[in-house]
Amino acid sequence: MRVRIFLKQPFFTLPGYIPRAAVAVEGMLEAEKPLGWLVEVDTWLSETGAPLEGATHRVLIPAAKIDHALVLG
């Protein structure tokens, strides 16, 4: 299912991996794991909702980092 996930805090990352300013992401939820959600993220969003430039990545988003999520389809 496609989801939009709002993060409690931006990702901690190094340059060149994923956008550092991303506070929300969209993609396909692949699995719900005990530690968090495995998502194929294809859209990275800033705090204003503007899309950020970034490649598609499979990301395990820790449950503690997720504020809430919307089911988009």
PDB file of N, CA and C in Angstrom:
ATOM      1  N   MET A   1       0.840  -1.174   0.000  1.00  0.00           N
ATOM      2  CA  MET A   1       0.000   0.000   0.000  1.00  0.00           C
ATOM      3  C   MET A   1       0.881   1.232   0.000  1.00  0.00           C
ATOM      4  N   ARG A   2       0.410   2.295  -0.607  1.00  0.00           N
ATOM      5  CA  ARG A   2       1.166   3.552  -0.673  1.00  0.00           C
ATOM      6  C   ARG A   2       0.848   4.380   0.567  1.00  0.00           C
ATOM      7  N   VAL A   3       1.906   4.932   1.184  1.00  0.00           N
ATOM      8  CA  VAL A   3       1.752   5.701   2.416  1.00  0.00           C
ATOM      9  C   VAL A   3       2.555   6.995   2.342  1.00  0.00           C
ATOM     10  N   ARG A   4       2.121   7.975   3.115  1.00  0.00           N
ATOM     11  CA  ARG A   4       2.897   9.193   3.387  1.00  0.00           C
ATOM     12  C   ARG A   4       3.181   9.176   4.878  1.00  0.00           C
ATOM     13  N   ILE A   5       4.449   9.193   5.236  1.00  0.00           N
ATOM     14  CA  ILE A   5       4.871   9.095   6.632  1.00  0.00           C
ATOM     15  C   ILE A   5       5.446  10.429   7.075  1.00  0.00           C
ATOM     16  N   PHE A   6       4.929  10.940   8.171  1.00  0.00           N
ATOM     17  CA  PHE A   6       5.425  12.177   8.765  1.00  0.00           C
ATOM     18  C   PHE A   6       6.367  11.800   9.905  1.00  0.00           C
ATOM     19  N   LEU A   7       7.561  12.360   9.870  1.00  0.00           N
ATOM     20  CA  LEU A   7       8.601  12.009  10.834  1.00  0.00           C
ATOM     21  C   LEU A   7       8.598  12.961  12.025  1.00  0.00           C
ATOM     22  N   LYS A   8       8.955  12.447  13.187  1.00  0.00           N
ATOM     23  CA  LYS A   8       9.101  13.294  14.373  1.00  0.00           C
ATOM     24  C   LYS A   8      10.303  14.211  14.219  1.00  0.00           C
ATOM     25  N   GLN A   9      11.343  13.724  13.575  1.00  0.00           N
ATOM     26  CA  GLN A   9      12.569  14.480  13.320  1.00  0.00           C
ATOM     27  C   GLN A   9      13.095  14.073  11.953  1.00  0.00           C
ATOM     28  N   PRO A  10      13.838  14.975  11.293  1.00  0.00           N
ATOM     29  CA  PRO A  10      14.440  14.590  10.012  1.00  0.00           C
ATOM     30  C   PRO A  10      15.413  13.429  10.192  1.00  0.00           C
ATOM     31  N   PHE A  11      15.698  12.739   9.105  1.00  0.00           N
ATOM     32  CA  PHE A  11      16.672  11.651   9.138  1.00  0.00           C
ATOM     33  C   PHE A  11      18.057  12.195   9.455  1.00  0.00           C
ATOM     34  N   PHE A  12      18.832  11.444  10.214  1.00  0.00           N
ATOM     35  CA  PHE A  12      20.258  11.725  10.360  1.00  0.00           C
ATOM     36  C   PHE A  12      20.947  10.936   9.268  1.00  0.00           C
ATOM     37  N   THR A  13      21.674  11.607   8.397  1.00  0.00           N
ATOM     38  CA  THR A  13      22.318  10.933   7.276  1.00  0.00           C
ATOM     39  C   THR A  13      23.558  11.696   6.864  1.00  0.00           C
ATOM     40  N   LEU A  14      24.312  11.118   5.993  1.00  0.00           N
ATOM     41  CA  LEU A  14      25.492  11.755   5.425  1.00  0.00           C
ATOM     42  C   LEU A  14      25.151  12.276   4.040  1.00  0.00           C
ATOM     43  N   PRO A  15      25.871  13.292   3.558  1.00  0.00           N
ATOM     44  CA  PRO A  15      25.597  13.823   2.219  1.00  0.00           C
ATOM     45  C   PRO A  15      25.678  12.730   1.153  1.00  0.00           C
ATOM     46  N   GLY A  16      24.740  12.799   0.208  1.00  0.00           N
ATOM     47  CA  GLY A  16      24.750  11.869  -0.910  1.00  0.00           C
ATOM     48  C   GLY A  16      23.861  10.652  -0.756  1.00  0.00           C
ATOM     49  N   TYR A  17      23.251  10.468   0.391  1.00  0.00           N
ATOM     50  CA  TYR A  17      22.383   9.305   0.594  1.00  0.00           C
ATOM     51  C   TYR A  17      20.918   9.674   0.388  1.00  0.00           C
ATOM     52  N   ILE A  18      20.348  10.374   1.332  1.00  0.00           N
ATOM     53  CA  ILE A  18      18.961  10.823   1.229  1.00  0.00           C
ATOM     54  C   ILE A  18      18.921  12.293   1.621  1.00  0.00           C
ATOM     55  N   PRO A  19      17.890  13.036   1.201  1.00  0.00           N
ATOM     56  CA  PRO A  19      17.830  14.458   1.539  1.00  0.00           C
ATOM     57  C   PRO A  19      17.797  14.683   3.055  1.00  0.00           C
ATOM     58  N   ARG A  20      18.692  15.527   3.555  1.00  0.00           N
ATOM     59  CA  ARG A  20      18.794  15.767   4.995  1.00  0.00           C
ATOM     60  C   ARG A  20      17.593  16.526   5.540  1.00  0.00           C
ATOM     61  N   ALA A  21      16.915  17.312   4.706  1.00  0.00           N
ATOM     62  CA  ALA A  21      15.811  18.142   5.181  1.00  0.00           C
ATOM     63  C   ALA A  21      14.462  17.431   5.119  1.00  0.00           C
ATOM     64  N   ALA A  22      14.436  16.161   4.750  1.00  0.00           N
ATOM     65  CA  ALA A  22      13.165  15.442   4.601  1.00  0.00           C
ATOM     66  C   ALA A  22      12.495  15.235   5.955  1.00  0.00           C
ATOM     67  N   VAL A  23      11.257  15.715   6.072  1.00  0.00           N
ATOM     68  CA  VAL A  23      10.471  15.511   7.296  1.00  0.00           C
ATOM     69  C   VAL A  23       9.234  14.662   7.026  1.00  0.00           C
ATOM     70  N   ALA A  24       9.014  14.341   5.752  1.00  0.00           N
ATOM     71  CA  ALA A  24       7.933  13.433   5.364  1.00  0.00           C
ATOM     72  C   ALA A  24       8.398  12.680   4.125  1.00  0.00           C
ATOM     73  N   VAL A  25       7.908  11.457   3.982  1.00  0.00           N
ATOM     74  CA  VAL A  25       8.276  10.633   2.832  1.00  0.00           C
ATOM     75  C   VAL A  25       7.033   9.934   2.304  1.00  0.00           C
ATOM     76  N   GLU A  26       7.079   9.585   1.023  1.00  0.00           N
ATOM     77  CA  GLU A  26       6.009   8.798   0.417  1.00  0.00           C
ATOM     78  C   GLU A  26       6.619   7.602  -0.282  1.00  0.00           C
ATOM     79  N   GLY A  27       5.876   6.508  -0.264  1.00  0.00           N
ATOM     80  CA  GLY A  27       6.329   5.322  -0.968  1.00  0.00           C
ATOM     81  C   GLY A  27       5.451   4.131  -0.665  1.00  0.00           C
ATOM     82  N   MET A  28       5.933   2.981  -1.107  1.00  0.00           N
ATOM     83  CA  MET A  28       5.198   1.734  -0.920  1.00  0.00           C
ATOM     84  C   MET A  28       5.654   1.058   0.365  1.00  0.00           C
ATOM     85  N   LEU A  29       4.707   0.797   1.257  1.00  0.00           N
ATOM     86  CA  LEU A  29       4.991   0.064   2.486  1.00  0.00           C
ATOM     87  C   LEU A  29       5.184  -1.398   2.111  1.00  0.00           C
ATOM     88  N   GLU A  30       6.393  -1.906   2.335  1.00  0.00           N
ATOM     89  CA  GLU A  30       6.704  -3.288   1.984  1.00  0.00           C
ATOM     90  C   GLU A  30       6.456  -4.237   3.142  1.00  0.00           C
ATOM     91  N   ALA A  31       6.751  -3.777   4.359  1.00  0.00           N
ATOM     92  CA  ALA A  31       6.597  -4.660   5.519  1.00  0.00           C
ATOM     93  C   ALA A  31       6.582  -3.842   6.800  1.00  0.00           C
ATOM     94  N   GLU A  32       5.862  -4.361   7.780  1.00  0.00           N
ATOM     95  CA  GLU A  32       5.893  -3.802   9.127  1.00  0.00           C
ATOM     96  C   GLU A  32       6.753  -4.735   9.963  1.00  0.00           C
ATOM     97  N   LYS A  33       7.898  -4.242  10.393  1.00  0.00           N
ATOM     98  CA  LYS A  33       8.856  -5.028  11.171  1.00  0.00           C
ATOM     99  C   LYS A  33       8.750  -4.625  12.641  1.00  0.00           C
ATOM    100  N   PRO A  34       9.269  -5.438  13.550  1.00  0.00           N
ATOM    101  CA  PRO A  34       9.242  -5.065  14.972  1.00  0.00           C
ATOM    102  C   PRO A  34       9.942  -3.728  15.255  1.00  0.00           C
ATOM    103  N   LEU A  35      10.986  -3.427  14.485  1.00  0.00           N
ATOM    104  CA  LEU A  35      11.725  -2.177  14.710  1.00  0.00           C
ATOM    105  C   LEU A  35      11.137  -0.979  13.988  1.00  0.00           C
ATOM    106  N   GLY A  36      10.315  -1.202  12.976  1.00  0.00           N
ATOM    107  CA  GLY A  36       9.765  -0.089  12.204  1.00  0.00           C
ATOM    108  C   GLY A  36       9.151  -0.574  10.907  1.00  0.00           C
ATOM    109  N   TRP A  37       9.014   0.349   9.967  1.00  0.00           N
ATOM    110  CA  TRP A  37       8.393   0.049   8.681  1.00  0.00           C
ATOM    111  C   TRP A  37       9.442   0.041   7.582  1.00  0.00           C
ATOM    112  N   LEU A  38       9.393  -0.983   6.727  1.00  0.00           N
ATOM    113  CA  LEU A  38      10.254  -1.049   5.555  1.00  0.00           C
ATOM    114  C   LEU A  38       9.475  -0.432   4.394  1.00  0.00           C
ATOM    115  N   VAL A  39      10.011   0.664   3.852  1.00  0.00           N
ATOM    116  CA  VAL A  39       9.303   1.438   2.832  1.00  0.00           C
ATOM    117  C   VAL A  39      10.226   1.670   1.645  1.00  0.00           C
ATOM    118  N   GLU A  40       9.702   1.485   0.438  1.00  0.00           N
ATOM    119  CA  GLU A  40      10.430   1.909  -0.755  1.00  0.00           C
ATOM    120  C   GLU A  40      10.038   3.362  -1.004  1.00  0.00           C
ATOM    121  N   VAL A  41      10.886   4.263  -0.542  1.00  0.00           N
ATOM    122  CA  VAL A  41      10.593   5.701  -0.592  1.00  0.00           C
ATOM    123  C   VAL A  41      10.965   6.246  -1.962  1.00  0.00           C
ATOM    124  N   ASP A  42       9.994   6.898  -2.621  1.00  0.00           N
ATOM    125  CA  ASP A  42      10.261   7.523  -3.912  1.00  0.00           C
ATOM    126  C   ASP A  42      10.015   9.025  -3.898  1.00  0.00           C
ATOM    127  N   THR A  43       9.461   9.550  -2.793  1.00  0.00           N
ATOM    128  CA  THR A  43       9.199  10.982  -2.674  1.00  0.00           C
ATOM    129  C   THR A  43       9.654  11.455  -1.304  1.00  0.00           C
ATOM    130  N   TRP A  44      10.471  12.506  -1.302  1.00  0.00           N
ATOM    131  CA  TRP A  44      11.000  13.111  -0.079  1.00  0.00           C
ATOM    132  C   TRP A  44      10.414  14.511   0.016  1.00  0.00           C
ATOM    133  N   LEU A  45       9.855  14.889   1.154  1.00  0.00           N
ATOM    134  CA  LEU A  45       9.176  16.178   1.294  1.00  0.00           C
ATOM    135  C   LEU A  45       9.813  17.022   2.389  1.00  0.00           C
ATOM    136  N   SER A  46       9.882  18.341   2.137  1.00  0.00           N
ATOM    137  CA  SER A  46      10.411  19.284   3.118  1.00  0.00           C
ATOM    138  C   SER A  46       9.312  19.655   4.105  1.00  0.00           C
ATOM    139  N   GLU A  47       9.656  20.499   5.080  1.00  0.00           N
ATOM    140  CA  GLU A  47       8.664  20.912   6.080  1.00  0.00           C
ATOM    141  C   GLU A  47       7.547  21.756   5.477  1.00  0.00           C
ATOM    142  N   THR A  48       7.743  22.300   4.270  1.00  0.00           N
ATOM    143  CA  THR A  48       6.683  23.052   3.597  1.00  0.00           C
ATOM    144  C   THR A  48       5.861  22.164   2.665  1.00  0.00           C
ATOM    145  N   GLY A  49       6.245  20.893   2.552  1.00  0.00           N
ATOM    146  CA  GLY A  49       5.556  19.975   1.654  1.00  0.00           C
ATOM    147  C   GLY A  49       6.125  19.959   0.254  1.00  0.00           C
ATOM    148  N   ALA A  50       7.167  20.746   0.029  1.00  0.00           N
ATOM    149  CA  ALA A  50       7.794  20.787  -1.292  1.00  0.00           C
ATOM    150  C   ALA A  50       8.626  19.526  -1.512  1.00  0.00           C
ATOM    151  N   PRO A  51       8.570  18.970  -2.714  1.00  0.00           N
ATOM    152  CA  PRO A  51       9.388  17.790  -3.004  1.00  0.00           C
ATOM    153  C   PRO A  51      10.874  18.134  -2.976  1.00  0.00           C
ATOM    154  N   LEU A  52      11.667  17.217  -2.454  1.00  0.00           N
ATOM    155  CA  LEU A  52      13.117  17.359  -2.425  1.00  0.00           C
ATOM    156  C   LEU A  52      13.723  16.401  -3.439  1.00  0.00           C
ATOM    157  N   GLU A  53      14.860  16.771  -3.984  1.00  0.00           N
ATOM    158  CA  GLU A  53      15.529  15.920  -4.950  1.00  0.00           C
ATOM    159  C   GLU A  53      16.190  14.754  -4.224  1.00  0.00           C
ATOM    160  N   GLY A  54      15.881  13.567  -4.645  1.00  0.00           N
ATOM    161  CA  GLY A  54      16.463  12.380  -4.025  1.00  0.00           C
ATOM    162  C   GLY A  54      16.054  11.132  -4.778  1.00  0.00           C
ATOM    163  N   ALA A  55      16.931  10.159  -4.765  1.00  0.00           N
ATOM    164  CA  ALA A  55      16.683   8.893  -5.455  1.00  0.00           C
ATOM    165  C   ALA A  55      15.746   8.011  -4.633  1.00  0.00           C
ATOM    166  N   THR A  56      15.190   7.012  -5.279  1.00  0.00           N
ATOM    167  CA  THR A  56      14.365   6.018  -4.600  1.00  0.00           C
ATOM    168  C   THR A  56      15.268   5.103  -3.775  1.00  0.00           C
ATOM    169  N   HIS A  57      14.873   4.874  -2.513  1.00  0.00           N
ATOM    170  CA  HIS A  57      15.631   3.993  -1.620  1.00  0.00           C
ATOM    171  C   HIS A  57      14.670   3.146  -0.799  1.00  0.00           C
ATOM    172  N   ARG A  58      15.101   1.931  -0.470  1.00  0.00           N
ATOM    173  CA  ARG A  58      14.390   1.102   0.513  1.00  0.00           C
ATOM    174  C   ARG A  58      14.932   1.507   1.872  1.00  0.00           C
ATOM    175  N   VAL A  59      14.047   1.978   2.753  1.00  0.00           N
ATOM    176  CA  VAL A  59      14.458   2.510   4.049  1.00  0.00           C
ATOM    177  C   VAL A  59      13.674   1.813   5.151  1.00  0.00           C
ATOM    178  N   LEU A  60      14.379   1.360   6.174  1.00  0.00           N
ATOM    179  CA  LEU A  60      13.721   0.877   7.385  1.00  0.00           C
ATOM    180  C   LEU A  60      13.571   2.085   8.298  1.00  0.00           C
ATOM    181  N   ILE A  61      12.343   2.569   8.442  1.00  0.00           N
ATOM    182  CA  ILE A  61      12.077   3.750   9.259  1.00  0.00           C
ATOM    183  C   ILE A  61      11.733   3.272  10.661  1.00  0.00           C
ATOM    184  N   PRO A  62      12.562   3.618  11.650  1.00  0.00           N
ATOM    185  CA  PRO A  62      12.303   3.163  13.015  1.00  0.00           C
ATOM    186  C   PRO A  62      10.936   3.643  13.516  1.00  0.00           C
ATOM    187  N   ALA A  63      10.236   2.783  14.229  1.00  0.00           N
ATOM    188  CA  ALA A  63       8.915   3.138  14.762  1.00  0.00           C
ATOM    189  C   ALA A  63       8.993   4.389  15.625  1.00  0.00           C
ATOM    190  N   ALA A  64      10.088   4.571  16.355  1.00  0.00           N
ATOM    191  CA  ALA A  64      10.239   5.736  17.230  1.00  0.00           C
ATOM    192  C   ALA A  64      10.347   7.036  16.443  1.00  0.00           C
ATOM    193  N   LYS A  65      10.681   6.974  15.159  1.00  0.00           N
ATOM    194  CA  LYS A  65      10.819   8.174  14.331  1.00  0.00           C
ATOM    195  C   LYS A  65       9.504   8.575  13.660  1.00  0.00           C
ATOM    196  N   ILE A  66       8.537   7.661  13.605  1.00  0.00           N
ATOM    197  CA  ILE A  66       7.270   7.925  12.914  1.00  0.00           C
ATOM    198  C   ILE A  66       6.309   8.667  13.834  1.00  0.00           C
ATOM    199  N   ASP A  67       5.862   9.848  13.383  1.00  0.00           N
ATOM    200  CA  ASP A  67       4.840  10.586  14.120  1.00  0.00           C
ATOM    201  C   ASP A  67       3.463  10.033  13.749  1.00  0.00           C
ATOM    202  N   HIS A  68       3.163  10.044  12.450  1.00  0.00           N
ATOM    203  CA  HIS A  68       1.918   9.452  11.967  1.00  0.00           C
ATOM    204  C   HIS A  68       2.052   9.185  10.469  1.00  0.00           C
ATOM    205  N   ALA A  69       1.071   8.485   9.916  1.00  0.00           N
ATOM    206  CA  ALA A  69       1.112   8.131   8.503  1.00  0.00           C
ATOM    207  C   ALA A  69      -0.285   8.204   7.908  1.00  0.00           C
ATOM    208  N   LEU A  70      -0.326   8.525   6.631  1.00  0.00           N
ATOM    209  CA  LEU A  70      -1.572   8.514   5.867  1.00  0.00           C
ATOM    210  C   LEU A  70      -1.512   7.376   4.860  1.00  0.00           C
ATOM    211  N   VAL A  71      -2.593   6.645   4.717  1.00  0.00           N
ATOM    212  CA  VAL A  71      -2.683   5.609   3.693  1.00  0.00           C
ATOM    213  C   VAL A  71      -3.204   6.293   2.436  1.00  0.00           C
ATOM    214  N   LEU A  72      -2.410   6.262   1.365  1.00  0.00           N
ATOM    215  CA  LEU A  72      -2.768   6.954   0.130  1.00  0.00           C
ATOM    216  C   LEU A  72      -3.420   6.022  -0.880  1.00  0.00           C
ATOM    217  N   GLY A  73      -3.246   4.751  -0.724  1.00  0.00           N
ATOM    218  CA  GLY A  73      -3.875   3.818  -1.649  1.00  0.00           C
ATOM    219  C   GLY A  73      -3.201   2.484  -1.648  1.00  0.00           C
TER     220      GLY A  73
END
